[in-house]
């Protein structure tokens, strides 16, 4: 038995190392796609564009197109048997502020670049996609600050989406970028890797649990007092211990109902494994940290009282974050 366990552990470690090698190979052959939208020149086009953002409903319709694009990009998931060896592809969506401009990039392995280009142009026919060199937000005199943000809870819990917000969430991010000087820079990196189907079951189970909460005792299952209390209730009231697993029948709050609906909505969509990194540069560390704090603060708009929140780790390996940002690594920094 011990030998079988040892062989399993060795095989698992070898497969994990092979996946690291596959990711390294992908990182060495990346393509940088800069996405540009043509500027509206005519008065009629400008009026139409202005009307699109004149109400909350219209801005949600505009963002909904991007929502459908990401759902479509999940088709990059490798469902073939060789996924056990090769793992899954990844790509990076990045906003960068440099030289007084805010630019948008998609960075991906060369093997899937043509697929991503087709998906983008199918949803945004007017988009101009240029293959460019890697951008640089640094100068010879700049000081760098790097950060990575994590969810406080598991992926079962949701963040607020554009459907729950009253204004375009991108405005808060671009506002943080707009305060930069010409010799300062900042970038946000979203590394995305398609997730296998099946995680939605846990989300649906959580949604049902919120709407139909089960009866729970005052004592945990691990507490001996709870056992004594359960036995006493059985002897004195003929209570069935299985009743504790039945729904309580209590009406939940409106906020809980709405959050349960957001879980159902999440479970109806495909998912991605995501890593969010933030990089800033300025003439001093204090200024770079100030820019980074402003960009990070923009993500608090997605925090949900009932669900998930973003947080910054107290201890972080800035060199590791910076190195993985530059490589577009789909793996988190190791302290």
Protein backbone atom coordinates (compact mmCIF):
# COMPACT_ATOMS: atom_id res chain seq x y z
CA UNK A 1 0.00 0.00 0.00
CA UNK A 2 2.81 2.39 0.88
CA UNK A 3 4.53 1.70 -2.46
CA UNK A 4 1.33 2.48 -4.38
CA UNK A 5 0.92 5.71 -2.47
CA UNK A 6 4.54 6.65 -3.19
CA UNK A 7 4.12 5.90 -6.90
CA UNK A 8 0.96 8.02 -6.98
CA UNK A 9 2.71 10.96 -5.34
CA UNK A 10 5.69 10.68 -7.69
CA UNK A 11 3.39 10.52 -10.71
CA UNK A 12 1.35 13.48 -9.50
CA UNK A 13 4.51 15.56 -8.91
CA UNK A 14 5.88 14.63 -12.34
CA UNK A 15 2.61 15.66 -14.02
CA UNK A 16 2.57 18.97 -12.13
CA UNK A 17 6.15 19.71 -13.22
CA UNK A 18 5.25 18.84 -16.81
CA UNK A 19 2.36 21.33 -16.68
CA UNK A 20 4.80 23.98 -15.49
CA UNK A 21 7.05 23.17 -18.46
CA UNK A 22 4.08 23.45 -20.86
CA UNK A 23 3.22 26.86 -19.46
CA UNK A 24 6.85 27.96 -19.79
CA UNK A 25 6.78 26.94 -23.45
CA UNK A 26 3.62 28.98 -24.01
CA UNK A 27 5.14 32.00 -22.25
CA UNK A 28 8.14 31.94 -24.59
CA UNK A 29 6.01 32.38 -27.72
CA UNK A 30 3.50 35.12 -26.92
CA UNK A 31 1.70 37.45 -29.31
CA UNK A 32 0.72 40.99 -28.29
CA UNK A 33 -2.53 42.14 -29.86
CA UNK A 34 -3.44 45.80 -29.43
CA UNK A 35 -7.18 46.39 -29.80
CA UNK A 36 -8.27 49.77 -31.17
CA UNK A 37 -11.77 51.07 -31.82
CA UNK A 38 -12.10 53.68 -34.58
CA UNK A 39 -12.97 57.16 -33.35
CA UNK A 40 -16.46 58.39 -34.19
CA UNK A 41 -16.00 61.31 -36.56
CA UNK A 42 -19.47 62.16 -37.82
CA UNK A 43 -21.95 64.10 -35.69
CA UNK A 44 -24.53 61.32 -36.04
CA UNK A 45 -22.11 58.64 -34.82
CA UNK A 46 -21.09 60.78 -31.85
CA UNK A 47 -24.74 61.30 -30.88
CA UNK A 48 -25.42 57.57 -31.06
CA UNK A 49 -22.36 56.80 -28.93
CA UNK A 50 -23.40 59.45 -26.39
CA UNK A 51 -26.92 58.02 -26.17
CA UNK A 52 -25.54 54.54 -25.50
CA UNK A 53 -24.05 55.75 -22.22
CA UNK A 54 -26.89 58.11 -21.29
CA UNK A 55 -28.69 55.55 -19.10
CA UNK A 56 -27.77 52.58 -16.93
CA UNK A 57 -29.71 50.25 -19.23
CA UNK A 58 -27.74 51.30 -22.32
CA UNK A 59 -24.30 51.00 -20.72
CA UNK A 60 -25.21 47.49 -19.55
CA UNK A 61 -26.17 46.58 -23.11
CA UNK A 62 -22.80 47.83 -24.34
CA UNK A 63 -20.88 45.88 -21.67
CA UNK A 64 -23.08 42.84 -22.34
CA UNK A 65 -21.35 42.46 -25.71
CA UNK A 66 -18.03 41.95 -23.90
CA UNK A 67 -19.76 39.48 -21.58
CA UNK A 68 -20.77 37.39 -24.60
CA UNK A 69 -17.24 37.67 -25.99
CA UNK A 70 -15.74 36.11 -22.85
CA UNK A 71 -18.34 33.34 -22.90
CA UNK A 72 -17.30 32.65 -26.48
CA UNK A 73 -13.59 32.66 -25.56
CA UNK A 74 -14.25 29.74 -23.23
CA UNK A 75 -14.30 27.65 -26.40
CA UNK A 76 -10.48 27.72 -26.11
CA UNK A 77 -10.89 25.02 -23.45
CA UNK A 78 -9.12 21.84 -24.53
CA UNK A 79 -11.57 18.98 -23.99
CA UNK A 80 -9.37 16.36 -25.65
CA UNK A 81 -7.60 13.64 -23.70
CA UNK A 82 -4.20 15.30 -24.20
CA UNK A 83 -5.32 18.03 -21.77
CA UNK A 84 -4.10 15.72 -19.00
CA UNK A 85 -0.55 16.21 -20.30
CA UNK A 86 -0.68 19.63 -21.96
CA UNK A 87 -3.01 21.41 -19.56
CA UNK A 88 -5.16 24.33 -20.69
CA UNK A 89 -4.22 27.38 -22.77
CA UNK A 90 -4.33 30.84 -21.24
CA UNK A 91 -4.47 34.45 -22.38
CA UNK A 92 -4.10 37.85 -20.78
CA UNK A 93 -6.38 40.89 -20.99
CA UNK A 94 -4.50 44.07 -20.08
CA UNK A 95 -5.14 47.78 -19.64
CA UNK A 96 -2.03 49.95 -19.76
CA UNK A 97 -1.54 53.67 -19.16
CA UNK A 98 1.68 55.04 -20.63
CA UNK A 99 2.80 58.27 -22.28
CA UNK A 100 -0.57 59.87 -21.54
CA UNK A 101 -2.60 57.15 -23.30
CA UNK A 102 -4.79 54.28 -22.09
CA UNK A 103 -4.31 51.19 -24.25
CA UNK A 104 -5.97 47.77 -24.38
CA UNK A 105 -4.12 44.54 -25.17
CA UNK A 106 -4.78 40.84 -25.42
CA UNK A 107 -1.64 38.73 -24.95
CA UNK A 108 -1.78 35.06 -25.84
CA UNK A 109 0.33 32.13 -27.08
CA UNK A 110 0.86 32.31 -30.83
CA UNK A 111 -0.99 29.02 -31.32
CA UNK A 112 -4.36 30.51 -30.34
CA UNK A 113 -3.85 34.10 -31.56
CA UNK A 114 -5.88 33.64 -34.75
CA UNK A 115 -8.78 32.14 -32.79
CA UNK A 116 -8.89 35.09 -30.42
CA UNK A 117 -8.72 37.58 -33.30
CA UNK A 118 -11.72 35.91 -34.98
CA UNK A 119 -13.73 35.97 -31.75
CA UNK A 120 -13.00 39.65 -31.12
CA UNK A 121 -13.88 40.76 -34.66
CA UNK A 122 -17.08 38.67 -34.63
CA UNK A 123 -18.39 40.71 -31.68
CA UNK A 124 -16.65 43.98 -32.60
CA UNK A 125 -16.56 44.15 -36.42
CA UNK A 126 -15.11 47.68 -36.38
CA UNK A 127 -12.21 46.73 -34.09
CA UNK A 128 -8.69 47.21 -35.41
CA UNK A 129 -6.28 44.51 -34.17
CA UNK A 130 -2.56 45.18 -34.55
CA UNK A 131 0.20 42.77 -33.61
CA UNK A 132 2.75 44.85 -31.69
CA UNK A 133 5.79 44.48 -29.48
CA UNK A 134 5.48 44.26 -25.71
CA UNK A 135 4.70 47.65 -24.21
CA UNK A 136 6.87 49.26 -21.53
CA UNK A 137 5.54 51.40 -18.67
CA UNK A 138 9.03 51.91 -17.18
CA UNK A 139 11.71 54.54 -17.62
CA UNK A 140 15.35 54.45 -16.55
CA UNK A 141 14.55 56.60 -13.51
CA UNK A 142 11.24 54.98 -12.54
CA UNK A 143 10.56 53.01 -9.38
CA UNK A 144 8.15 50.06 -9.60
CA UNK A 145 5.38 48.90 -7.29
CA UNK A 146 3.59 45.59 -7.92
CA UNK A 147 0.51 44.02 -6.39
CA UNK A 148 -1.79 41.06 -6.75
CA UNK A 149 -5.36 40.89 -5.47
CA UNK A 150 -7.26 37.82 -4.29
CA UNK A 151 -10.87 36.97 -3.42
CA UNK A 152 -11.60 36.64 0.29
CA UNK A 153 -13.82 33.58 -0.28
CA UNK A 154 -13.98 30.59 -2.60
CA UNK A 155 -15.18 30.82 -6.19
CA UNK A 156 -18.65 29.67 -5.07
CA UNK A 157 -19.34 33.24 -3.90
CA UNK A 158 -19.90 36.00 -6.43
CA UNK A 159 -18.72 39.56 -6.85
CA UNK A 160 -20.98 42.34 -8.05
CA UNK A 161 -21.21 42.39 -11.82
CA UNK A 162 -22.07 45.22 -14.18
CA UNK A 163 -25.71 44.10 -13.84
CA UNK A 164 -25.75 45.22 -10.19
CA UNK A 165 -23.78 48.46 -10.73
CA UNK A 166 -25.32 51.82 -11.59
CA UNK A 167 -22.47 53.14 -13.73
CA UNK A 168 -19.84 51.79 -16.08
CA UNK A 169 -17.28 50.04 -13.82
CA UNK A 170 -14.49 50.80 -16.27
CA UNK A 171 -14.85 54.50 -15.50
CA UNK A 172 -13.38 54.07 -12.01
CA UNK A 173 -10.34 52.29 -13.44
CA UNK A 174 -9.75 54.77 -16.26
CA UNK A 175 -10.17 57.65 -13.78
CA UNK A 176 -7.29 56.24 -11.76
CA UNK A 177 -5.24 56.04 -14.97
CA UNK A 178 -6.15 59.58 -16.05
CA UNK A 179 -4.36 61.11 -13.04
CA UNK A 180 -0.97 59.82 -14.20
CA UNK A 181 1.74 62.15 -15.47
CA UNK A 182 3.41 61.58 -18.83
CA UNK A 183 6.49 59.96 -17.23
CA UNK A 184 4.39 57.64 -15.04
CA UNK A 185 2.79 54.32 -15.97
CA UNK A 186 0.36 51.68 -14.76
CA UNK A 187 -1.03 48.39 -16.01
CA UNK A 188 -3.68 45.88 -14.95
CA UNK A 189 -3.30 42.28 -16.03
CA UNK A 190 -6.04 39.64 -16.03
CA UNK A 191 -4.62 36.18 -16.73
CA UNK A 192 -7.48 33.90 -17.80
CA UNK A 193 -7.51 30.13 -18.24
CA UNK A 194 -10.75 28.29 -19.18
CA UNK A 195 -12.12 26.18 -16.31
CA UNK A 196 -13.64 22.73 -16.72
CA UNK A 197 -17.41 22.40 -16.41
CA UNK A 198 -18.74 21.04 -13.13
CA UNK A 199 -17.91 23.86 -10.73
CA UNK A 200 -21.44 25.22 -11.33
CA UNK A 201 -22.93 22.42 -9.18
CA UNK A 202 -21.45 23.91 -6.00
CA UNK A 203 -22.78 27.34 -6.92
CA UNK A 204 -26.30 26.00 -7.52
CA UNK A 205 -26.16 24.08 -4.24
CA UNK A 206 -25.22 27.29 -2.42
CA UNK A 207 -28.11 29.13 -4.08
CA UNK A 208 -30.58 26.44 -2.94
CA UNK A 209 -29.11 26.54 0.56
CA UNK A 210 -29.69 30.30 0.80
CA UNK A 211 -33.33 30.08 -0.31
CA UNK A 212 -34.10 26.96 1.77
CA UNK A 213 -31.85 27.13 4.84
CA UNK A 214 -31.68 23.94 6.87
CA UNK A 215 -32.41 23.73 10.54
CA UNK A 216 -29.26 23.92 12.61
CA UNK A 217 -28.69 23.32 16.28
CA UNK A 218 -26.87 25.61 18.67
CA UNK A 219 -23.96 23.18 18.95
CA UNK A 220 -21.55 21.95 16.30
CA UNK A 221 -21.37 18.25 15.38
CA UNK A 222 -17.95 18.10 16.99
CA UNK A 223 -19.19 19.31 20.37
CA UNK A 224 -20.07 16.50 22.90
CA UNK A 225 -22.64 18.82 24.48
CA UNK A 226 -24.44 18.86 21.14
CA UNK A 227 -24.63 15.05 21.18
CA UNK A 228 -26.06 15.03 24.70
CA UNK A 229 -28.58 17.72 23.72
CA UNK A 230 -29.70 15.72 20.67
CA UNK A 231 -30.16 12.53 22.73
CA UNK A 232 -32.09 14.44 25.40
CA UNK A 233 -34.42 15.93 22.75
CA UNK A 234 -35.07 12.46 21.30
CA UNK A 235 -35.99 11.02 24.71
CA UNK A 236 -38.19 13.90 25.83
CA UNK A 237 -39.84 15.16 22.63
CA UNK A 238 -39.61 12.19 20.24
CA UNK A 239 -37.73 14.49 17.86
CA UNK A 240 -36.28 12.92 14.74
CA UNK A 241 -32.56 13.79 14.33
CA UNK A 242 -33.05 13.82 10.54
CA UNK A 243 -35.34 16.85 10.91
CA UNK A 244 -32.25 18.96 11.39
CA UNK A 245 -31.39 18.34 7.74
CA UNK A 246 -34.81 19.51 6.46
CA UNK A 247 -35.43 23.08 5.28
CA UNK A 248 -36.46 25.35 8.12
CA UNK A 249 -39.27 26.95 6.10
CA UNK A 250 -38.26 30.40 7.30
CA UNK A 251 -38.61 33.28 4.86
CA UNK A 252 -35.27 34.77 3.87
CA UNK A 253 -34.58 38.47 3.34
CA UNK A 254 -34.94 40.20 -0.02
CA UNK A 255 -31.17 40.74 -0.15
CA UNK A 256 -30.59 37.01 0.30
CA UNK A 257 -33.08 36.23 -2.47
CA UNK A 258 -31.35 38.64 -4.84
CA UNK A 259 -27.95 37.19 -4.02
CA UNK A 260 -29.29 33.68 -4.63
CA UNK A 261 -30.44 34.84 -8.07
CA UNK A 262 -26.95 36.17 -8.79
CA UNK A 263 -25.54 32.73 -7.91
CA UNK A 264 -27.99 31.08 -10.31
CA UNK A 265 -26.93 33.54 -13.00
CA UNK A 266 -23.26 32.78 -12.36
CA UNK A 267 -23.85 29.03 -12.58
CA UNK A 268 -25.42 29.43 -16.03
CA UNK A 269 -22.15 30.74 -17.51
CA UNK A 270 -18.76 29.16 -18.25
CA UNK A 271 -15.89 30.09 -15.95
CA UNK A 272 -12.21 31.00 -15.99
CA UNK A 273 -9.37 30.70 -13.54
CA UNK A 274 -8.21 34.29 -13.09
CA UNK A 275 -5.15 36.06 -11.69
CA UNK A 276 -5.19 39.86 -11.32
CA UNK A 277 -1.88 41.73 -11.15
CA UNK A 278 -1.30 45.48 -10.91
CA UNK A 279 1.93 47.24 -11.85
CA UNK A 280 2.77 50.94 -11.44
CA UNK A 281 5.87 53.05 -12.07
CA UNK A 282 6.79 56.56 -11.00
CA UNK A 283 9.77 58.73 -10.01
CA UNK A 284 9.53 57.60 -6.36
CA UNK A 285 8.29 54.59 -4.43
CA UNK A 286 5.73 56.67 -2.54
CA UNK A 287 4.25 57.97 -5.79
CA UNK A 288 4.20 54.48 -7.36
CA UNK A 289 2.48 53.11 -4.24
CA UNK A 290 -0.05 55.96 -4.34
CA UNK A 291 -0.93 55.16 -7.97
CA UNK A 292 -1.19 51.46 -7.14
CA UNK A 293 -3.53 52.17 -4.23
CA UNK A 294 -5.76 54.25 -6.48
CA UNK A 295 -5.97 51.49 -9.10
CA UNK A 296 -6.55 48.81 -6.46
CA UNK A 297 -9.30 50.89 -4.84
CA UNK A 298 -11.22 50.83 -8.14
CA UNK A 299 -11.88 47.12 -7.58
CA UNK A 300 -13.80 47.74 -4.34
CA UNK A 301 -16.86 48.57 -6.46
CA UNK A 302 -17.17 44.83 -7.13
CA UNK A 303 -17.25 43.86 -3.44
CA UNK A 304 -20.52 42.24 -2.37
CA UNK A 305 -21.75 42.32 1.23
CA UNK A 306 -23.40 38.91 0.83
CA UNK A 307 -20.72 37.46 -1.41
CA UNK A 308 -17.07 37.90 -2.28
CA UNK A 309 -14.58 40.73 -1.79
CA UNK A 310 -11.12 41.58 -3.07
CA UNK A 311 -8.17 41.89 -0.72
CA UNK A 312 -4.45 42.56 -0.98
CA UNK A 313 -2.10 40.12 0.75
CA UNK A 314 -0.11 41.68 3.60
CA UNK A 315 3.02 39.79 2.57
CA UNK A 316 3.88 39.57 -1.11
CA UNK A 317 6.85 38.82 -3.29
CA UNK A 318 7.08 41.93 -5.46
CA UNK A 319 9.92 40.53 -7.55
CA UNK A 320 7.88 37.41 -8.21
CA UNK A 321 4.79 39.44 -9.16
CA UNK A 322 6.85 41.62 -11.51
CA UNK A 323 8.57 38.63 -13.14
CA UNK A 324 5.28 36.80 -13.68
CA UNK A 325 3.65 39.95 -15.01
CA UNK A 326 6.34 40.32 -17.65
CA UNK A 327 6.18 36.62 -18.57
CA UNK A 328 2.34 36.59 -18.48
CA UNK A 329 2.58 33.57 -16.21
CA UNK A 330 -0.71 31.81 -15.36
CA UNK A 331 0.77 30.82 -12.00
CA UNK A 332 0.67 32.80 -8.79
CA UNK A 333 3.74 34.18 -7.04
CA UNK A 334 5.29 32.01 -4.36
CA UNK A 335 6.41 33.82 -1.22
